[in-house]
PDB file of N, CA and C in Angstrom:
ATOM      1  N   UNK A   1     100.579  76.909  83.243  1.00  0.00           N
ATOM      2  CA  UNK A   1      99.643  76.107  83.993  1.00  0.00           C
ATOM      3  C   UNK A   1      98.257  76.343  83.414  1.00  0.00           C
ATOM      4  N   UNK A   2      97.594  75.335  82.960  1.00  0.00           N
ATOM      5  CA  UNK A   2      96.252  75.507  82.428  1.00  0.00           C
ATOM      6  C   UNK A   2      95.240  75.803  83.542  1.00  0.00           C
ATOM      7  N   UNK A   3      94.301  76.673  83.250  1.00  0.00           N
ATOM      8  CA  UNK A   3      93.246  77.001  84.198  1.00  0.00           C
ATOM      9  C   UNK A   3      92.153  75.959  84.079  1.00  0.00           C
ATOM     10  N   UNK A   4      91.751  75.377  85.192  1.00  0.00           N
ATOM     11  CA  UNK A   4      90.719  74.345  85.167  1.00  0.00           C
ATOM     12  C   UNK A   4      89.374  74.864  85.636  1.00  0.00           C
ATOM     13  N   UNK A   5      89.381  75.858  86.496  1.00  0.00           N
ATOM     14  CA  UNK A   5      88.127  76.327  87.071  1.00  0.00           C
ATOM     15  C   UNK A   5      88.389  77.658  87.769  1.00  0.00           C
ATOM     16  N   UNK A   6      87.338  78.265  88.260  1.00  0.00           N
ATOM     17  CA  UNK A   6      87.488  79.477  89.072  1.00  0.00           C
ATOM     18  C   UNK A   6      86.792  79.248  90.404  1.00  0.00           C
ATOM     19  N   UNK A   7      86.986  80.160  91.310  1.00  0.00           N
ATOM     20  CA  UNK A   7      86.315  80.060  92.612  1.00  0.00           C
ATOM     21  C   UNK A   7      84.965  80.757  92.575  1.00  0.00           C
ATOM     22  N   UNK A   8      84.580  81.314  91.437  1.00  0.00           N
ATOM     23  CA  UNK A   8      83.272  81.944  91.295  1.00  0.00           C
ATOM     24  C   UNK A   8      83.266  83.407  91.694  1.00  0.00           C
ATOM     25  N   UNK A   9      82.120  84.039  91.486  1.00  0.00           N
ATOM     26  CA  UNK A   9      81.992  85.469  91.751  1.00  0.00           C
ATOM     27  C   UNK A   9      82.098  85.823  93.226  1.00  0.00           C
ATOM     28  N   UNK A  10      81.828  84.885  94.103  1.00  0.00           N
ATOM     29  CA  UNK A  10      81.932  85.159  95.536  1.00  0.00           C
ATOM     30  C   UNK A  10      83.356  85.562  95.915  1.00  0.00           C
ATOM     31  N   UNK A  11      84.338  85.052  95.206  1.00  0.00           N
ATOM     32  CA  UNK A  11      85.728  85.344  95.506  1.00  0.00           C
ATOM     33  C   UNK A  11      86.370  86.291  94.500  1.00  0.00           C
ATOM     34  N   UNK A  12      85.637  86.732  93.508  1.00  0.00           N
ATOM     35  CA  UNK A  12      86.200  87.597  92.474  1.00  0.00           C
ATOM     36  C   UNK A  12      86.603  88.939  93.085  1.00  0.00           C
ATOM     37  N   UNK A  13      87.826  89.361  92.839  1.00  0.00           N
ATOM     38  CA  UNK A  13      88.355  90.571  93.446  1.00  0.00           C
ATOM     39  C   UNK A  13      89.093  91.470  92.459  1.00  0.00           C
ATOM     40  N   UNK A  14      89.601  90.917  91.392  1.00  0.00           N
ATOM     41  CA  UNK A  14      90.612  91.620  90.625  1.00  0.00           C
ATOM     42  C   UNK A  14      90.062  92.230  89.347  1.00  0.00           C
ATOM     43  N   UNK A  15      90.423  93.463  89.120  1.00  0.00           N
ATOM     44  CA  UNK A  15      90.279  94.089  87.818  1.00  0.00           C
ATOM     45  C   UNK A  15      91.642  94.643  87.468  1.00  0.00           C
ATOM     46  N   UNK A  16      91.907  94.803  86.243  1.00  0.00           N
ATOM     47  CA  UNK A  16      93.215  95.308  85.836  1.00  0.00           C
ATOM     48  C   UNK A  16      93.023  96.276  84.681  1.00  0.00           C
ATOM     49  N   UNK A  17      94.044  97.044  84.455  1.00  0.00           N
ATOM     50  CA  UNK A  17      94.003  98.003  83.363  1.00  0.00           C
ATOM     51  C   UNK A  17      93.834  99.408  83.890  1.00  0.00           C
ATOM     52  N   UNK A  18      93.698 100.322  82.990  1.00  0.00           N
ATOM     53  CA  UNK A  18      93.586 101.723  83.354  1.00  0.00           C
ATOM     54  C   UNK A  18      94.634 102.536  82.638  1.00  0.00           C
ATOM     55  N   UNK A  19      94.743 103.772  83.009  1.00  0.00           N
ATOM     56  CA  UNK A  19      95.715 104.675  82.390  1.00  0.00           C
ATOM     57  C   UNK A  19      97.118 104.237  82.820  1.00  0.00           C
ATOM     58  N   UNK A  20      98.011 104.002  81.855  1.00  0.00           N
ATOM     59  CA  UNK A  20      99.376 103.587  82.202  1.00  0.00           C
ATOM     60  C   UNK A  20     100.100 104.668  83.014  1.00  0.00           C
ATOM     61  N   UNK A  21     100.903 104.235  83.963  1.00  0.00           N
ATOM     62  CA  UNK A  21     101.605 105.183  84.825  1.00  0.00           C
ATOM     63  C   UNK A  21     102.613 106.048  84.082  1.00  0.00           C
ATOM     64  N   UNK A  22     103.109 105.570  82.935  1.00  0.00           N
ATOM     65  CA  UNK A  22     104.056 106.407  82.193  1.00  0.00           C
ATOM     66  C   UNK A  22     103.375 107.596  81.522  1.00  0.00           C
ATOM     67  N   UNK A  23     102.046 107.652  81.557  1.00  0.00           N
ATOM     68  CA  UNK A  23     101.308 108.798  81.031  1.00  0.00           C
ATOM     69  C   UNK A  23     100.985 109.819  82.126  1.00  0.00           C
ATOM     70  N   UNK A  24     101.478 109.573  83.338  1.00  0.00           N
ATOM     71  CA  UNK A  24     101.188 110.414  84.494  1.00  0.00           C
ATOM     72  C   UNK A  24     102.490 110.958  85.064  1.00  0.00           C
ATOM     73  N   UNK A  25     102.482 112.217  85.472  1.00  0.00           N
ATOM     74  CA  UNK A  25     103.591 112.767  86.251  1.00  0.00           C
ATOM     75  C   UNK A  25     103.358 112.299  87.685  1.00  0.00           C
ATOM     76  N   UNK A  26     104.123 111.326  88.153  1.00  0.00           N
ATOM     77  CA  UNK A  26     103.866 110.706  89.443  1.00  0.00           C
ATOM     78  C   UNK A  26     104.134 111.630  90.628  1.00  0.00           C
ATOM     79  N   UNK A  27     104.812 112.748  90.410  1.00  0.00           N
ATOM     80  CA  UNK A  27     105.031 113.673  91.523  1.00  0.00           C
ATOM     81  C   UNK A  27     103.833 114.594  91.737  1.00  0.00           C
ATOM     82  N   UNK A  28     102.924 114.647  90.742  1.00  0.00           N
ATOM     83  CA  UNK A  28     101.727 115.486  90.866  1.00  0.00           C
ATOM     84  C   UNK A  28     100.442 114.753  90.506  1.00  0.00           C
ATOM     85  N   UNK A  29     100.550 113.589  89.886  1.00  0.00           N
ATOM     86  CA  UNK A  29      99.419 112.790  89.387  1.00  0.00           C
ATOM     87  C   UNK A  29      98.714 113.483  88.210  1.00  0.00           C
ATOM     88  N   UNK A  30      99.387 114.414  87.565  1.00  0.00           N
ATOM     89  CA  UNK A  30      98.809 115.119  86.414  1.00  0.00           C
ATOM     90  C   UNK A  30      99.088 114.341  85.129  1.00  0.00           C
ATOM     91  N   UNK A  31      98.091 114.303  84.270  1.00  0.00           N
ATOM     92  CA  UNK A  31      98.229 113.626  82.992  1.00  0.00           C
ATOM     93  C   UNK A  31      99.282 114.323  82.138  1.00  0.00           C
ATOM     94  N   UNK A  32     100.138 113.540  81.500  1.00  0.00           N
ATOM     95  CA  UNK A  32     101.111 114.107  80.555  1.00  0.00           C
ATOM     96  C   UNK A  32     100.434 114.415  79.218  1.00  0.00           C
ATOM     97  N   UNK A  33      99.341 113.717  78.914  1.00  0.00           N
ATOM     98  CA  UNK A  33      98.643 113.898  77.643  1.00  0.00           C
ATOM     99  C   UNK A  33      97.592 114.992  77.702  1.00  0.00           C
ATOM    100  N   UNK A  34      97.068 115.278  78.884  1.00  0.00           N
ATOM    101  CA  UNK A  34      96.012 116.282  79.036  1.00  0.00           C
ATOM    102  C   UNK A  34      96.326 117.132  80.276  1.00  0.00           C
ATOM    103  N   UNK A  35      97.215 118.131  80.125  1.00  0.00           N
ATOM    104  CA  UNK A  35      97.587 118.959  81.267  1.00  0.00           C
ATOM    105  C   UNK A  35      96.348 119.543  81.947  1.00  0.00           C
ATOM    106  N   UNK A  36      96.390 119.575  83.272  1.00  0.00           N
ATOM    107  CA  UNK A  36      95.263 120.066  84.042  1.00  0.00           C
ATOM    108  C   UNK A  36      94.339 118.956  84.510  1.00  0.00           C
ATOM    109  N   UNK A  37      94.523 117.743  83.986  1.00  0.00           N
ATOM    110  CA  UNK A  37      93.734 116.581  84.393  1.00  0.00           C
ATOM    111  C   UNK A  37      94.566 115.757  85.368  1.00  0.00           C
ATOM    112  N   UNK A  38      94.042 115.563  86.569  1.00  0.00           N
ATOM    113  CA  UNK A  38      94.728 114.792  87.601  1.00  0.00           C
ATOM    114  C   UNK A  38      93.992 113.478  87.781  1.00  0.00           C
ATOM    115  N   UNK A  39      94.732 112.377  87.758  1.00  0.00           N
ATOM    116  CA  UNK A  39      94.143 111.043  87.818  1.00  0.00           C
ATOM    117  C   UNK A  39      94.632 110.315  89.064  1.00  0.00           C
ATOM    118  N   UNK A  40      93.706 109.660  89.766  1.00  0.00           N
ATOM    119  CA  UNK A  40      94.064 108.968  90.999  1.00  0.00           C
ATOM    120  C   UNK A  40      93.314 107.645  91.104  1.00  0.00           C
ATOM    121  N   UNK A  41      93.718 106.838  92.039  1.00  0.00           N
ATOM    122  CA  UNK A  41      92.993 105.614  92.383  1.00  0.00           C
ATOM    123  C   UNK A  41      92.949 104.593  91.266  1.00  0.00           C
ATOM    124  N   UNK A  42      91.815 103.922  91.162  1.00  0.00           N
ATOM    125  CA  UNK A  42      91.691 102.783  90.265  1.00  0.00           C
ATOM    126  C   UNK A  42      91.533 103.151  88.797  1.00  0.00           C
ATOM    127  N   UNK A  43      91.496 104.441  88.470  1.00  0.00           N
ATOM    128  CA  UNK A  43      91.500 104.847  87.061  1.00  0.00           C
ATOM    129  C   UNK A  43      92.882 104.569  86.443  1.00  0.00           C
ATOM    130  N   UNK A  44      93.881 104.401  87.313  1.00  0.00           N
ATOM    131  CA  UNK A  44      95.255 104.147  86.867  1.00  0.00           C
ATOM    132  C   UNK A  44      95.552 102.651  86.885  1.00  0.00           C
ATOM    133  N   UNK A  45      96.520 102.252  86.078  1.00  0.00           N
ATOM    134  CA  UNK A  45      96.892 100.842  85.959  1.00  0.00           C
ATOM    135  C   UNK A  45      97.817 100.453  87.109  1.00  0.00           C
ATOM    136  N   UNK A  46      97.223 100.270  88.278  1.00  0.00           N
ATOM    137  CA  UNK A  46      97.948  99.840  89.472  1.00  0.00           C
ATOM    138  C   UNK A  46      97.174  98.680  90.079  1.00  0.00           C
ATOM    139  N   UNK A  47      97.845  97.585  90.322  1.00  0.00           N
ATOM    140  CA  UNK A  47      97.218  96.419  90.934  1.00  0.00           C
ATOM    141  C   UNK A  47      97.936  96.099  92.235  1.00  0.00           C
ATOM    142  N   UNK A  48      97.176  95.709  93.228  1.00  0.00           N
ATOM    143  CA  UNK A  48      97.751  95.311  94.506  1.00  0.00           C
ATOM    144  C   UNK A  48      97.014  94.114  95.050  1.00  0.00           C
ATOM    145  N   UNK A  49      97.574  93.529  96.068  1.00  0.00           N
ATOM    146  CA  UNK A  49      96.925  92.399  96.730  1.00  0.00           C
ATOM    147  C   UNK A  49      95.677  92.885  97.442  1.00  0.00           C
ATOM    148  N   UNK A  50      94.741  91.995  97.681  1.00  0.00           N
ATOM    149  CA  UNK A  50      93.546  92.369  98.430  1.00  0.00           C
ATOM    150  C   UNK A  50      93.942  92.628  99.882  1.00  0.00           C
ATOM    151  N   UNK A  51      93.116  93.375 100.576  1.00  0.00           N
ATOM    152  CA  UNK A  51      93.413  93.662 101.973  1.00  0.00           C
ATOM    153  C   UNK A  51      93.608  95.138 102.241  1.00  0.00           C
ATOM    154  N   UNK A  52      93.018  95.981 101.420  1.00  0.00           N
ATOM    155  CA  UNK A  52      93.101  97.409 101.679  1.00  0.00           C
ATOM    156  C   UNK A  52      94.106  98.168 100.839  1.00  0.00           C
ATOM    157  N   UNK A  53      94.870  97.470 100.020  1.00  0.00           N
ATOM    158  CA  UNK A  53      95.888  98.153  99.228  1.00  0.00           C
ATOM    159  C   UNK A  53      95.277  99.112  98.217  1.00  0.00           C
ATOM    160  N   UNK A  54      94.125  98.755  97.638  1.00  0.00           N
ATOM    161  CA  UNK A  54      93.478  99.665  96.688  1.00  0.00           C
ATOM    162  C   UNK A  54      92.999 100.927  97.384  1.00  0.00           C
ATOM    163  N   UNK A  55      92.477 100.790  98.604  1.00  0.00           N
ATOM    164  CA  UNK A  55      92.090 101.977  99.371  1.00  0.00           C
ATOM    165  C   UNK A  55      93.303 102.860  99.641  1.00  0.00           C
ATOM    166  N   UNK A  56      94.395 102.241 100.071  1.00  0.00           N
ATOM    167  CA  UNK A  56      95.604 103.015 100.370  1.00  0.00           C
ATOM    168  C   UNK A  56      96.102 103.731  99.127  1.00  0.00           C
ATOM    169  N   UNK A  57      96.096 103.056  97.986  1.00  0.00           N
ATOM    170  CA  UNK A  57      96.524 103.686  96.738  1.00  0.00           C
ATOM    171  C   UNK A  57      95.609 104.858  96.380  1.00  0.00           C
ATOM    172  N   UNK A  58      94.299 104.678  96.537  1.00  0.00           N
ATOM    173  CA  UNK A  58      93.359 105.747  96.225  1.00  0.00           C
ATOM    174  C   UNK A  58      93.617 106.968  97.099  1.00  0.00           C
ATOM    175  N   UNK A  59      93.753 106.762  98.395  1.00  0.00           N
ATOM    176  CA  UNK A  59      93.975 107.886  99.314  1.00  0.00           C
ATOM    177  C   UNK A  59      95.335 108.533  99.091  1.00  0.00           C
ATOM    178  N   UNK A  60      96.371 107.728  98.917  1.00  0.00           N
ATOM    179  CA  UNK A  60      97.717 108.273  98.744  1.00  0.00           C
ATOM    180  C   UNK A  60      97.857 109.026  97.429  1.00  0.00           C
ATOM    181  N   UNK A  61      97.318 108.460  96.358  1.00  0.00           N
ATOM    182  CA  UNK A  61      97.431 109.151  95.065  1.00  0.00           C
ATOM    183  C   UNK A  61      96.592 110.429  95.073  1.00  0.00           C
ATOM    184  N   UNK A  62      95.466 110.438  95.774  1.00  0.00           N
ATOM    185  CA  UNK A  62      94.660 111.662  95.884  1.00  0.00           C
ATOM    186  C   UNK A  62      95.402 112.732  96.682  1.00  0.00           C
ATOM    187  N   UNK A  63      96.109 112.331  97.709  1.00  0.00           N
ATOM    188  CA  UNK A  63      96.892 113.287  98.513  1.00  0.00           C
ATOM    189  C   UNK A  63      97.981 113.924  97.642  1.00  0.00           C
ATOM    190  N   UNK A  64      98.666 113.103  96.841  1.00  0.00           N
ATOM    191  CA  UNK A  64      99.711 113.627  95.941  1.00  0.00           C
ATOM    192  C   UNK A  64      99.083 114.575  94.914  1.00  0.00           C
ATOM    193  N   UNK A  65      97.932 114.203  94.351  1.00  0.00           N
ATOM    194  CA  UNK A  65      97.255 115.054  93.360  1.00  0.00           C
ATOM    195  C   UNK A  65      96.842 116.383  93.982  1.00  0.00           C
ATOM    196  N   UNK A  66      96.291 116.343  95.191  1.00  0.00           N
ATOM    197  CA  UNK A  66      95.857 117.583  95.852  1.00  0.00           C
ATOM    198  C   UNK A  66      97.056 118.508  96.063  1.00  0.00           C
ATOM    199  N   UNK A  67      98.182 117.958  96.471  1.00  0.00           N
ATOM    200  CA  UNK A  67      99.382 118.781  96.645  1.00  0.00           C
ATOM    201  C   UNK A  67      99.887 119.301  95.296  1.00  0.00           C
ATOM    202  N   UNK A  68      99.728 118.493  94.238  1.00  0.00           N
ATOM    203  CA  UNK A  68     100.179 118.901  92.908  1.00  0.00           C
ATOM    204  C   UNK A  68      99.330 119.982  92.272  1.00  0.00           C
ATOM    205  N   UNK A  69      98.112 120.164  92.762  1.00  0.00           N
ATOM    206  CA  UNK A  69      97.223 121.188  92.212  1.00  0.00           C
ATOM    207  C   UNK A  69      97.531 122.583  92.750  1.00  0.00           C
ATOM    208  N   UNK A  70      98.296 122.633  93.814  1.00  0.00           N
ATOM    209  CA  UNK A  70      98.593 123.936  94.433  1.00  0.00           C
ATOM    210  C   UNK A  70      99.642 124.720  93.668  1.00  0.00           C
TER     211      UNK A  70
END
């Protein structure tokens, strides 16, 4: 489907990209490439629908990382 227009910056919501999840130990959120580095939230390549999903991902991944640091 060809793109004809956008809804403008007022409706702009999406960014994409980040550290791929296969580079992270998802049970601890620790980097596989740099041990001792824990990555959470939007630094990772996770996209969700608008409506609070990014907040939930940030909080949940931080909780997993905090438990993984112990």
